[in-house]
Structures are given as C-alpha cells and as structure tokens.
Amino acid sequence: MSVSPPPIAVDASGARTLLADLCRPFARGPFVPDCTAVQPEDIPFPEDDLLVHHDHMTVVLQRHHGKPVQVHVLEEILEGDIYRRKISLTPVGSNKVVEWGVVRLNFKYMPEEVKQEILRKETPLGAILIKHNIHRRIKPRYFLRIPADSSVARLFDQHNPEPLYGRLGMIFCDRKPCIEVLEIVLNTK
C-alpha cells in the first residue's frame, strides 16, 4: 500500500509579506494583503494553466486568448534604478482585462535600450525581454487565492464578484534576481 506524500507546506506569511511589499506603494491608505497561499493543484482550470508554469505571462496569455496582449500602465514609480509599476493587460483590439500586475525591477541589471523600451510603456515586459534576448528564468514563489472583495482588487479600482488567482514570483535576468512580479489572471473563459 503506497501512501501519498503530504502536500508541500505553503508559507502564507511569506506570501502576504511579499504581496504587501510589492503593493503598498500603490495603495491609498493602509494595505492589508488579504490572500491565501495555495498549492498549484488547488487552482481551478483554466487559471492553473495560466499560472502554473515557468514561462512569461505575455506568451501564455497570448496563446490562451488567441492574440497578442497590450500593456496599460496604470501607475508607476521610478526611484533611482528601482522601477515599480501597476499594470493591466488586454488582448489587442479588446477592452477585456486579462491580467492585473505589479512589478518591481532593478534597472541596474538591464541594458540601457531595454530600460528605455520599458519606460516607453508600449510593450509588455516579457515581450521586451524576449525581443532583446535577455537570458531569463521565471521562478514562481507563491500561488495565491485572492478574495472577491479584497484590498488587492481595490488596488485596481475593481470589486470582483469571484475569487481571483495569481502568483508572486521572481524573474532572473542573466542569473541576477532583478524583477519581482504579482500576476493575477482575469476573464479566463
């Protein structure tokens, strides 16, 4: 008789701490990182296909929605080499938001032409890194279930009727940990 191994422990406090650190600069007032860290197998379909992988979300969302996605920078903060932005992604030719995101990146690890293209706010970050052949590795750290009326949804001026799913991760560029991301998928059907 074989026994299934227990699920991997999920560090919920680590997920909430990272979520708060990424999102707080965009919050109006106190920010409580209400979320639950979940195992990948606890994420429903099709959200699991969109989140549980080591690819750029740009590529995965394009494949899922059948067309390229465009970035909409909702807010941004540049302090020295540290750049933060809050974004949404929509399929080209549509107003349907398919991702909300927050990114914090360190320009110290990027060529000047990549930095300038990111600051132009015309192309999703993943597409820029791919275009410039930046050696990258995407490492999801936490998978999240976000309550329907959460502080995270309110960051994007939304009150979603259903729980949302997302991930927190790190993108390594040329083996340096330089981009932290929160990626939340929406309108998956």
N, C-alpha and C. Protein backbone atom coordinates (compact mmCIF):
# COMPACT_ATOMS: atom_id res chain seq x y z
N MET A 1 0.84 -1.17 0.00
CA MET A 1 0.00 0.00 0.00
C MET A 1 0.89 1.24 0.00
N SER A 2 0.71 2.07 -1.03
CA SER A 2 1.53 3.28 -1.07
C SER A 2 0.78 4.44 -0.43
N VAL A 3 1.54 5.29 0.18
CA VAL A 3 0.97 6.46 0.83
C VAL A 3 1.41 7.69 0.07
N SER A 4 0.46 8.55 -0.25
CA SER A 4 0.79 9.79 -0.95
C SER A 4 1.59 10.70 -0.04
N PRO A 5 2.58 11.38 -0.59
CA PRO A 5 3.33 12.31 0.24
C PRO A 5 2.43 13.48 0.65
N PRO A 6 2.68 14.05 1.81
CA PRO A 6 1.87 15.21 2.22
C PRO A 6 2.14 16.38 1.30
N PRO A 7 1.17 17.30 1.18
CA PRO A 7 1.42 18.47 0.34
C PRO A 7 2.57 19.29 0.89
N ILE A 8 3.23 19.99 0.01
CA ILE A 8 4.33 20.87 0.42
C ILE A 8 3.73 22.00 1.25
N ALA A 9 4.37 22.32 2.36
CA ALA A 9 3.89 23.41 3.20
C ALA A 9 3.97 24.72 2.43
N VAL A 10 2.93 25.51 2.57
CA VAL A 10 2.88 26.82 1.92
C VAL A 10 3.10 27.87 2.98
N ASP A 11 4.07 28.73 2.75
CA ASP A 11 4.40 29.79 3.69
C ASP A 11 3.50 30.99 3.45
N ALA A 12 2.32 30.96 4.06
CA ALA A 12 1.34 32.02 3.85
C ALA A 12 1.85 33.37 4.33
N SER A 13 2.58 33.38 5.44
CA SER A 13 3.08 34.67 5.94
C SER A 13 4.11 35.27 4.98
N GLY A 14 4.94 34.44 4.37
CA GLY A 14 5.89 34.93 3.38
C GLY A 14 5.19 35.50 2.16
N ALA A 15 4.12 34.84 1.72
CA ALA A 15 3.35 35.34 0.57
C ALA A 15 2.72 36.69 0.90
N ARG A 16 2.12 36.81 2.08
CA ARG A 16 1.48 38.07 2.46
C ARG A 16 2.52 39.19 2.62
N THR A 17 3.68 38.87 3.17
CA THR A 17 4.73 39.87 3.33
C THR A 17 5.20 40.39 1.97
N LEU A 18 5.46 39.49 1.03
CA LEU A 18 5.90 39.90 -0.30
C LEU A 18 4.79 40.67 -1.02
N LEU A 19 3.55 40.20 -0.90
CA LEU A 19 2.42 40.89 -1.53
C LEU A 19 2.30 42.32 -0.99
N ALA A 20 2.40 42.48 0.32
CA ALA A 20 2.32 43.82 0.93
C ALA A 20 3.46 44.71 0.44
N ASP A 21 4.67 44.15 0.39
CA ASP A 21 5.84 44.93 -0.03
C ASP A 21 5.70 45.42 -1.47
N LEU A 22 5.19 44.56 -2.35
CA LEU A 22 5.02 44.95 -3.75
C LEU A 22 3.89 45.96 -3.95
N CYS A 23 2.78 45.77 -3.24
CA CYS A 23 1.57 46.55 -3.49
C CYS A 23 1.45 47.84 -2.70
N ARG A 24 2.04 47.90 -1.53
CA ARG A 24 1.86 49.05 -0.64
C ARG A 24 2.14 50.40 -1.31
N PRO A 25 3.16 50.56 -2.16
CA PRO A 25 3.39 51.87 -2.78
C PRO A 25 2.22 52.36 -3.64
N PHE A 26 1.34 51.46 -4.05
CA PHE A 26 0.21 51.85 -4.90
C PHE A 26 -1.10 51.95 -4.12
N ALA A 27 -1.07 51.63 -2.84
CA ALA A 27 -2.28 51.66 -2.02
C ALA A 27 -2.60 53.09 -1.59
N ARG A 28 -3.87 53.36 -1.51
CA ARG A 28 -4.33 54.63 -0.96
C ARG A 28 -4.79 54.33 0.45
N GLY A 29 -3.93 54.62 1.40
CA GLY A 29 -4.23 54.28 2.79
C GLY A 29 -3.61 52.95 3.17
N PRO A 30 -4.00 52.42 4.32
CA PRO A 30 -3.43 51.15 4.78
C PRO A 30 -3.71 50.01 3.80
N PHE A 31 -2.76 49.12 3.68
CA PHE A 31 -2.92 47.98 2.77
C PHE A 31 -2.77 46.70 3.57
N VAL A 32 -3.84 45.91 3.58
CA VAL A 32 -3.83 44.60 4.24
C VAL A 32 -3.78 43.55 3.13
N PRO A 33 -2.71 42.78 3.06
CA PRO A 33 -2.56 41.82 1.96
C PRO A 33 -3.44 40.58 2.15
N ASP A 34 -4.73 40.73 1.90
CA ASP A 34 -5.64 39.62 2.09
C ASP A 34 -5.55 38.65 0.91
N CYS A 35 -5.03 37.48 1.22
CA CYS A 35 -4.88 36.42 0.24
C CYS A 35 -4.62 35.13 0.99
N THR A 36 -4.76 34.03 0.28
CA THR A 36 -4.42 32.73 0.82
C THR A 36 -3.40 32.10 -0.11
N ALA A 37 -2.29 31.66 0.42
CA ALA A 37 -1.31 30.92 -0.40
C ALA A 37 -1.88 29.52 -0.62
N VAL A 38 -1.86 29.06 -1.87
CA VAL A 38 -2.45 27.76 -2.21
C VAL A 38 -1.45 26.90 -2.98
N GLN A 39 -1.71 25.61 -2.97
CA GLN A 39 -0.94 24.68 -3.77
C GLN A 39 -1.40 24.78 -5.23
N PRO A 40 -0.53 24.53 -6.19
CA PRO A 40 -0.94 24.59 -7.60
C PRO A 40 -2.16 23.71 -7.90
N GLU A 41 -2.25 22.55 -7.27
CA GLU A 41 -3.39 21.66 -7.55
C GLU A 41 -4.71 22.20 -7.00
N ASP A 42 -4.66 23.24 -6.18
CA ASP A 42 -5.88 23.86 -5.64
C ASP A 42 -6.38 25.01 -6.51
N ILE A 43 -5.69 25.29 -7.59
CA ILE A 43 -6.11 26.35 -8.51
C ILE A 43 -6.99 25.72 -9.58
N PRO A 44 -8.20 26.25 -9.80
CA PRO A 44 -9.10 25.66 -10.79
C PRO A 44 -8.63 25.89 -12.22
N PHE A 45 -9.18 25.09 -13.12
CA PHE A 45 -8.94 25.26 -14.55
C PHE A 45 -9.85 26.37 -15.05
N PRO A 46 -9.42 27.25 -15.91
CA PRO A 46 -8.17 27.32 -16.65
C PRO A 46 -7.10 28.17 -15.97
N GLU A 47 -7.42 28.73 -14.79
CA GLU A 47 -6.43 29.56 -14.10
C GLU A 47 -5.13 28.82 -13.85
N ASP A 48 -5.22 27.51 -13.56
CA ASP A 48 -3.99 26.75 -13.31
C ASP A 48 -3.09 26.73 -14.54
N ASP A 49 -3.68 26.57 -15.74
CA ASP A 49 -2.87 26.57 -16.97
C ASP A 49 -2.20 27.92 -17.19
N LEU A 50 -2.85 28.98 -16.74
CA LEU A 50 -2.32 30.33 -16.96
C LEU A 50 -1.27 30.72 -15.93
N LEU A 51 -1.21 30.03 -14.80
CA LEU A 51 -0.32 30.44 -13.72
C LEU A 51 0.79 29.46 -13.38
N VAL A 52 0.54 28.17 -13.51
CA VAL A 52 1.49 27.16 -13.03
C VAL A 52 2.42 26.76 -14.17
N HIS A 53 3.48 27.55 -14.32
CA HIS A 53 4.47 27.33 -15.39
C HIS A 53 5.67 28.23 -15.12
N HIS A 54 6.69 28.12 -15.95
CA HIS A 54 7.90 28.94 -15.83
C HIS A 54 8.08 29.82 -17.08
N ASP A 55 6.98 30.17 -17.73
CA ASP A 55 7.03 31.00 -18.92
C ASP A 55 6.62 32.42 -18.59
N HIS A 56 6.84 33.33 -19.54
CA HIS A 56 6.35 34.69 -19.39
C HIS A 56 4.84 34.69 -19.54
N MET A 57 4.15 35.44 -18.70
CA MET A 57 2.70 35.54 -18.79
C MET A 57 2.27 36.10 -20.14
N THR A 58 3.07 36.97 -20.71
CA THR A 58 2.76 37.54 -22.02
C THR A 58 2.52 36.42 -23.04
N VAL A 59 3.41 35.46 -23.08
CA VAL A 59 3.33 34.36 -24.03
C VAL A 59 2.12 33.48 -23.73
N VAL A 60 1.94 33.14 -22.46
CA VAL A 60 0.85 32.25 -22.05
C VAL A 60 -0.51 32.90 -22.32
N LEU A 61 -0.65 34.19 -22.00
CA LEU A 61 -1.92 34.88 -22.24
C LEU A 61 -2.20 35.03 -23.73
N GLN A 62 -1.19 35.30 -24.54
CA GLN A 62 -1.38 35.37 -25.98
C GLN A 62 -1.89 34.05 -26.53
N ARG A 63 -1.31 32.95 -26.07
CA ARG A 63 -1.72 31.63 -26.54
C ARG A 63 -3.16 31.35 -26.11
N HIS A 64 -3.48 31.65 -24.86
CA HIS A 64 -4.81 31.36 -24.32
C HIS A 64 -5.91 32.19 -25.00
N HIS A 65 -5.65 33.47 -25.25
CA HIS A 65 -6.67 34.35 -25.80
C HIS A 65 -6.61 34.47 -27.32
N GLY A 66 -5.59 33.85 -27.93
CA GLY A 66 -5.53 33.79 -29.38
C GLY A 66 -5.08 35.07 -30.07
N LYS A 67 -4.51 36.00 -29.32
CA LYS A 67 -3.99 37.23 -29.93
C LYS A 67 -3.00 37.87 -28.98
N PRO A 68 -2.12 38.73 -29.51
CA PRO A 68 -1.15 39.41 -28.64
C PRO A 68 -1.86 40.25 -27.57
N VAL A 69 -1.15 40.49 -26.48
CA VAL A 69 -1.69 41.34 -25.42
C VAL A 69 -0.94 42.66 -25.40
N GLN A 70 -1.66 43.70 -24.95
CA GLN A 70 -1.01 45.01 -24.84
C GLN A 70 -1.04 45.44 -23.38
N VAL A 71 -0.04 46.24 -23.03
CA VAL A 71 0.12 46.67 -21.65
C VAL A 71 -0.51 48.05 -21.46
N HIS A 72 -1.09 48.25 -20.29
CA HIS A 72 -1.63 49.54 -19.88
C HIS A 72 -1.02 49.84 -18.52
N VAL A 73 -0.14 50.84 -18.46
CA VAL A 73 0.49 51.21 -17.21
C VAL A 73 -0.46 52.14 -16.47
N LEU A 74 -0.92 51.68 -15.31
CA LEU A 74 -1.90 52.42 -14.52
C LEU A 74 -1.23 53.40 -13.57
N GLU A 75 -0.10 53.03 -13.02
CA GLU A 75 0.71 53.89 -12.15
C GLU A 75 2.15 53.41 -12.24
N GLU A 76 3.09 54.34 -11.99
CA GLU A 76 4.49 53.96 -11.99
C GLU A 76 5.26 54.84 -11.02
N ILE A 77 6.36 54.28 -10.51
CA ILE A 77 7.25 54.98 -9.58
C ILE A 77 8.67 54.63 -9.99
N LEU A 78 9.50 55.64 -10.21
CA LEU A 78 10.91 55.42 -10.53
C LEU A 78 11.73 56.11 -9.46
N GLU A 79 12.53 55.32 -8.73
CA GLU A 79 13.41 55.83 -7.68
C GLU A 79 14.80 55.26 -7.93
N GLY A 80 15.66 56.08 -8.53
CA GLY A 80 17.00 55.59 -8.89
C GLY A 80 16.89 54.49 -9.92
N ASP A 81 17.48 53.33 -9.64
CA ASP A 81 17.40 52.18 -10.54
C ASP A 81 16.17 51.31 -10.29
N ILE A 82 15.40 51.60 -9.26
CA ILE A 82 14.23 50.77 -8.92
C ILE A 82 12.98 51.37 -9.58
N TYR A 83 12.33 50.54 -10.38
CA TYR A 83 11.13 50.95 -11.11
C TYR A 83 10.00 50.04 -10.70
N ARG A 84 8.88 50.65 -10.33
CA ARG A 84 7.68 49.90 -9.96
C ARG A 84 6.56 50.36 -10.89
N ARG A 85 5.71 49.42 -11.25
CA ARG A 85 4.53 49.82 -11.98
C ARG A 85 3.38 48.85 -11.73
N LYS A 86 2.19 49.41 -11.82
CA LYS A 86 0.94 48.67 -11.71
C LYS A 86 0.34 48.67 -13.11
N ILE A 87 -0.03 47.49 -13.60
CA ILE A 87 -0.46 47.38 -14.99
C ILE A 87 -1.72 46.54 -15.14
N SER A 88 -2.30 46.64 -16.32
CA SER A 88 -3.28 45.65 -16.77
C SER A 88 -2.88 45.25 -18.18
N LEU A 89 -3.28 44.06 -18.57
CA LEU A 89 -3.05 43.56 -19.93
C LEU A 89 -4.40 43.26 -20.56
N THR A 90 -4.52 43.63 -21.84
CA THR A 90 -5.73 43.32 -22.61
C THR A 90 -5.31 42.72 -23.94
N PRO A 91 -6.12 41.81 -24.50
CA PRO A 91 -5.83 41.35 -25.86
C PRO A 91 -5.95 42.54 -26.81
N VAL A 92 -5.09 42.58 -27.82
CA VAL A 92 -5.12 43.66 -28.81
C VAL A 92 -6.51 43.72 -29.42
N GLY A 93 -7.06 44.96 -29.49
CA GLY A 93 -8.38 45.16 -30.08
C GLY A 93 -9.53 44.92 -29.12
N SER A 94 -9.22 44.73 -27.84
CA SER A 94 -10.26 44.44 -26.84
C SER A 94 -10.04 45.30 -25.61
N ASN A 95 -11.10 45.56 -24.89
CA ASN A 95 -11.01 46.23 -23.59
C ASN A 95 -11.06 45.24 -22.44
N LYS A 96 -11.11 43.95 -22.75
CA LYS A 96 -11.22 42.91 -21.73
C LYS A 96 -9.87 42.75 -21.00
N VAL A 97 -9.84 43.08 -19.72
CA VAL A 97 -8.61 42.93 -18.93
C VAL A 97 -8.42 41.46 -18.61
N VAL A 98 -7.24 40.92 -18.97
CA VAL A 98 -6.95 39.50 -18.73
C VAL A 98 -5.87 39.30 -17.66
N GLU A 99 -5.21 40.39 -17.27
CA GLU A 99 -4.24 40.31 -16.17
C GLU A 99 -4.13 41.66 -15.49
N TRP A 100 -4.00 41.60 -14.16
CA TRP A 100 -3.56 42.74 -13.37
C TRP A 100 -2.18 42.36 -12.88
N GLY A 101 -1.31 43.34 -12.76
CA GLY A 101 0.02 43.03 -12.27
C GLY A 101 0.69 44.20 -11.58
N VAL A 102 1.64 43.84 -10.75
CA VAL A 102 2.53 44.80 -10.11
C VAL A 102 3.93 44.26 -10.30
N VAL A 103 4.84 45.14 -10.69
CA VAL A 103 6.21 44.72 -10.91
C VAL A 103 7.16 45.68 -10.20
N ARG A 104 8.23 45.14 -9.67
CA ARG A 104 9.33 45.95 -9.14
C ARG A 104 10.59 45.40 -9.79
N LEU A 105 11.29 46.27 -10.51
CA LEU A 105 12.50 45.78 -11.17
C LEU A 105 13.67 46.71 -10.91
N ASN A 106 14.85 46.15 -11.08
CA ASN A 106 16.08 46.88 -10.86
C ASN A 106 16.76 47.09 -12.21
N PHE A 107 16.77 48.35 -12.67
CA PHE A 107 17.37 48.66 -13.97
C PHE A 107 18.88 48.48 -13.98
N LYS A 108 19.49 48.35 -12.83
CA LYS A 108 20.94 48.16 -12.76
C LYS A 108 21.38 46.93 -13.55
N TYR A 109 20.49 45.94 -13.68
CA TYR A 109 20.84 44.69 -14.34
C TYR A 109 20.37 44.62 -15.78
N MET A 110 19.95 45.76 -16.36
CA MET A 110 19.42 45.74 -17.72
C MET A 110 20.17 46.71 -18.62
N PRO A 111 20.34 46.34 -19.89
CA PRO A 111 20.95 47.28 -20.83
C PRO A 111 20.08 48.54 -20.96
N GLU A 112 20.71 49.65 -21.28
CA GLU A 112 20.01 50.94 -21.39
C GLU A 112 18.86 50.88 -22.41
N GLU A 113 19.06 50.20 -23.53
CA GLU A 113 17.99 50.15 -24.54
C GLU A 113 16.77 49.40 -24.02
N VAL A 114 16.97 48.39 -23.18
CA VAL A 114 15.85 47.66 -22.58
C VAL A 114 15.13 48.56 -21.59
N LYS A 115 15.90 49.27 -20.76
CA LYS A 115 15.31 50.21 -19.80
C LYS A 115 14.44 51.24 -20.53
N GLN A 116 14.97 51.83 -21.60
CA GLN A 116 14.22 52.86 -22.32
C GLN A 116 12.95 52.31 -22.95
N GLU A 117 13.01 51.08 -23.45
CA GLU A 117 11.81 50.47 -24.04
C GLU A 117 10.76 50.19 -22.97
N ILE A 118 11.19 49.75 -21.79
CA ILE A 118 10.25 49.53 -20.69
C ILE A 118 9.59 50.85 -20.29
N LEU A 119 10.38 51.90 -20.19
CA LEU A 119 9.86 53.20 -19.78
C LEU A 119 8.93 53.83 -20.83
N ARG A 120 8.99 53.39 -22.07
CA ARG A 120 8.07 53.89 -23.10
C ARG A 120 6.64 53.36 -22.88
N LYS A 121 6.49 52.27 -22.14
CA LYS A 121 5.19 51.72 -21.74
C LYS A 121 4.31 51.28 -22.92
N GLU A 122 4.93 50.80 -23.97
CA GLU A 122 4.19 50.40 -25.16
C GLU A 122 4.07 48.88 -25.31
N THR A 123 4.95 48.13 -24.66
CA THR A 123 5.07 46.69 -24.87
C THR A 123 5.14 46.00 -23.52
N PRO A 124 4.46 44.84 -23.36
CA PRO A 124 4.58 44.10 -22.12
C PRO A 124 6.04 43.74 -21.80
N LEU A 125 6.36 43.71 -20.52
CA LEU A 125 7.72 43.45 -20.06
C LEU A 125 8.28 42.14 -20.63
N GLY A 126 7.52 41.06 -20.58
CA GLY A 126 8.01 39.78 -21.09
C GLY A 126 8.39 39.85 -22.56
N ALA A 127 7.56 40.55 -23.35
CA ALA A 127 7.85 40.67 -24.79
C ALA A 127 9.15 41.45 -25.02
N ILE A 128 9.41 42.45 -24.18
CA ILE A 128 10.65 43.22 -24.31
C ILE A 128 11.86 42.35 -24.00
N LEU A 129 11.79 41.59 -22.92
CA LEU A 129 12.92 40.73 -22.54
C LEU A 129 13.18 39.68 -23.61
N ILE A 130 12.11 39.12 -24.17
CA ILE A 130 12.26 38.12 -25.24
C ILE A 130 12.88 38.77 -26.48
N LYS A 131 12.36 39.92 -26.87
CA LYS A 131 12.85 40.63 -28.06
C LYS A 131 14.35 40.92 -27.97
N HIS A 132 14.82 41.33 -26.79
CA HIS A 132 16.22 41.69 -26.62
C HIS A 132 17.09 40.50 -26.21
N ASN A 133 16.48 39.32 -26.22
CA ASN A 133 17.21 38.08 -25.91
C ASN A 133 17.94 38.15 -24.57
N ILE A 134 17.27 38.76 -23.59
CA ILE A 134 17.83 38.78 -22.24
C ILE A 134 17.67 37.37 -21.67
N HIS A 135 18.76 36.78 -21.24
CA HIS A 135 18.68 35.45 -20.64
C HIS A 135 17.86 35.57 -19.37
N ARG A 136 16.74 34.85 -19.31
CA ARG A 136 15.85 35.00 -18.17
C ARG A 136 15.34 33.65 -17.70
N ARG A 137 15.01 33.64 -16.43
CA ARG A 137 14.41 32.46 -15.80
C ARG A 137 13.30 32.97 -14.90
N ILE A 138 12.12 32.42 -15.09
CA ILE A 138 10.96 32.84 -14.30
C ILE A 138 10.75 31.80 -13.21
N LYS A 139 10.71 32.28 -11.97
CA LYS A 139 10.55 31.37 -10.85
C LYS A 139 9.35 31.79 -9.99
N PRO A 140 8.19 31.13 -10.18
CA PRO A 140 7.06 31.41 -9.30
C PRO A 140 7.42 31.02 -7.86
N ARG A 141 7.07 31.86 -6.91
CA ARG A 141 7.36 31.58 -5.50
C ARG A 141 6.11 31.18 -4.73
N TYR A 142 5.01 31.87 -5.02
CA TYR A 142 3.76 31.60 -4.31
C TYR A 142 2.61 31.67 -5.31
N PHE A 143 1.62 30.81 -5.08
CA PHE A 143 0.36 30.88 -5.82
C PHE A 143 -0.69 31.36 -4.83
N LEU A 144 -1.58 32.24 -5.29
CA LEU A 144 -2.50 32.92 -4.39
C LEU A 144 -3.96 32.74 -4.79
N ARG A 145 -4.81 32.67 -3.79
CA ARG A 145 -6.26 32.81 -3.96
C ARG A 145 -6.59 34.13 -3.29
N ILE A 146 -7.21 35.02 -4.05
CA ILE A 146 -7.47 36.38 -3.58
C ILE A 146 -8.97 36.55 -3.45
N PRO A 147 -9.46 36.90 -2.26
CA PRO A 147 -10.91 37.05 -2.05
C PRO A 147 -11.53 38.04 -3.03
N ALA A 148 -12.81 37.85 -3.30
CA ALA A 148 -13.52 38.66 -4.29
C ALA A 148 -13.44 40.15 -4.01
N ASP A 149 -13.68 40.57 -2.78
CA ASP A 149 -13.66 42.00 -2.46
C ASP A 149 -12.44 42.29 -1.60
N SER A 150 -11.28 42.12 -2.19
CA SER A 150 -10.04 42.23 -1.44
C SER A 150 -9.35 43.57 -1.64
N SER A 151 -8.42 43.87 -0.77
CA SER A 151 -7.61 45.08 -0.93
C SER A 151 -6.80 45.02 -2.23
N VAL A 152 -6.46 43.82 -2.66
CA VAL A 152 -5.70 43.67 -3.91
C VAL A 152 -6.56 44.10 -5.10
N ALA A 153 -7.82 43.64 -5.16
CA ALA A 153 -8.72 44.05 -6.24
C ALA A 153 -8.98 45.55 -6.19
N ARG A 154 -9.08 46.09 -5.00
CA ARG A 154 -9.32 47.54 -4.87
C ARG A 154 -8.12 48.36 -5.36
N LEU A 155 -6.92 47.79 -5.34
CA LEU A 155 -5.75 48.48 -5.93
C LEU A 155 -6.01 48.84 -7.38
N PHE A 156 -6.79 48.01 -8.05
CA PHE A 156 -7.08 48.19 -9.46
C PHE A 156 -8.46 48.82 -9.66
N ASP A 157 -9.00 49.40 -8.58
CA ASP A 157 -10.32 50.04 -8.60
C ASP A 157 -11.41 49.09 -9.07
N GLN A 158 -11.32 47.85 -8.62
CA GLN A 158 -12.30 46.85 -9.02
C GLN A 158 -12.84 46.12 -7.80
N HIS A 159 -14.05 45.65 -7.93
CA HIS A 159 -14.66 44.77 -6.93
C HIS A 159 -15.11 43.54 -7.72
N ASN A 160 -14.30 42.54 -7.71
CA ASN A 160 -14.57 41.35 -8.50
C ASN A 160 -15.60 40.48 -7.79
N PRO A 161 -16.56 39.90 -8.51
CA PRO A 161 -17.59 39.08 -7.85
C PRO A 161 -17.08 37.70 -7.41
N GLU A 162 -16.02 37.22 -8.00
CA GLU A 162 -15.49 35.88 -7.71
C GLU A 162 -14.07 35.99 -7.17
N PRO A 163 -13.62 34.98 -6.41
CA PRO A 163 -12.21 34.96 -6.01
C PRO A 163 -11.31 34.95 -7.25
N LEU A 164 -10.13 35.51 -7.09
CA LEU A 164 -9.15 35.57 -8.17
C LEU A 164 -7.96 34.69 -7.81
N TYR A 165 -7.19 34.32 -8.83
CA TYR A 165 -5.97 33.54 -8.62
C TYR A 165 -4.79 34.27 -9.26
N GLY A 166 -3.65 34.17 -8.59
CA GLY A 166 -2.47 34.82 -9.10
C GLY A 166 -1.21 34.14 -8.61
N ARG A 167 -0.10 34.75 -8.93
CA ARG A 167 1.19 34.22 -8.47
C ARG A 167 2.13 35.38 -8.18
N LEU A 168 3.03 35.11 -7.26
CA LEU A 168 4.13 36.01 -6.93
C LEU A 168 5.40 35.30 -7.37
N GLY A 169 6.28 36.01 -8.02
CA GLY A 169 7.49 35.34 -8.46
C GLY A 169 8.64 36.30 -8.71
N MET A 170 9.71 35.70 -9.13
CA MET A 170 10.95 36.43 -9.42
C MET A 170 11.37 36.08 -10.85
N ILE A 171 11.82 37.09 -11.57
CA ILE A 171 12.42 36.87 -12.88
C ILE A 171 13.90 37.17 -12.74
N PHE A 172 14.71 36.19 -13.08
CA PHE A 172 16.16 36.34 -13.06
C PHE A 172 16.60 36.74 -14.47
N CYS A 173 17.37 37.80 -14.57
CA CYS A 173 17.91 38.23 -15.86
C CYS A 173 19.42 38.05 -15.80
N ASP A 174 19.94 37.27 -16.72
CA ASP A 174 21.36 36.93 -16.71
C ASP A 174 21.79 36.46 -15.32
N ARG A 175 20.96 35.62 -14.73
CA ARG A 175 21.19 34.96 -13.43
C ARG A 175 21.13 35.89 -12.23
N LYS A 176 20.67 37.11 -12.42
CA LYS A 176 20.54 38.05 -11.30
C LYS A 176 19.06 38.24 -11.00
N PRO A 177 18.67 38.15 -9.73
CA PRO A 177 17.26 38.33 -9.39
C PRO A 177 16.89 39.81 -9.50
N CYS A 178 16.24 40.18 -10.60
CA CYS A 178 16.04 41.62 -10.81
C CYS A 178 14.60 42.06 -10.99
N ILE A 179 13.65 41.14 -11.12
CA ILE A 179 12.26 41.56 -11.32
C ILE A 179 11.35 40.73 -10.41
N GLU A 180 10.62 41.41 -9.53
CA GLU A 180 9.61 40.75 -8.70
C GLU A 180 8.25 41.07 -9.29
N VAL A 181 7.37 40.08 -9.36
CA VAL A 181 6.08 40.28 -10.00
C VAL A 181 4.93 39.70 -9.20
N LEU A 182 3.80 40.38 -9.31
CA LEU A 182 2.50 39.87 -8.91
C LEU A 182 1.70 39.81 -10.20
N GLU A 183 1.16 38.64 -10.52
CA GLU A 183 0.38 38.45 -11.74
C GLU A 183 -0.94 37.79 -11.36
N ILE A 184 -2.05 38.46 -11.68
CA ILE A 184 -3.39 37.97 -11.36
C ILE A 184 -4.15 37.81 -12.67
N VAL A 185 -4.70 36.62 -12.91
CA VAL A 185 -5.42 36.40 -14.17
C VAL A 185 -6.91 36.67 -13.97
N LEU A 186 -7.54 37.21 -15.03
CA LEU A 186 -8.96 37.56 -15.05
C LEU A 186 -9.57 37.14 -16.36
N ASN A 187 -10.88 37.08 -16.39
CA ASN A 187 -11.61 36.81 -17.64
C ASN A 187 -10.98 35.65 -18.40
N THR A 188 -10.84 34.54 -17.71
CA THR A 188 -10.12 33.39 -18.27
C THR A 188 -10.96 32.56 -19.23
N LYS A 189 -12.25 32.72 -19.21
CA LYS A 189 -13.12 31.89 -20.05
C LYS A 189 -13.31 32.53 -21.41
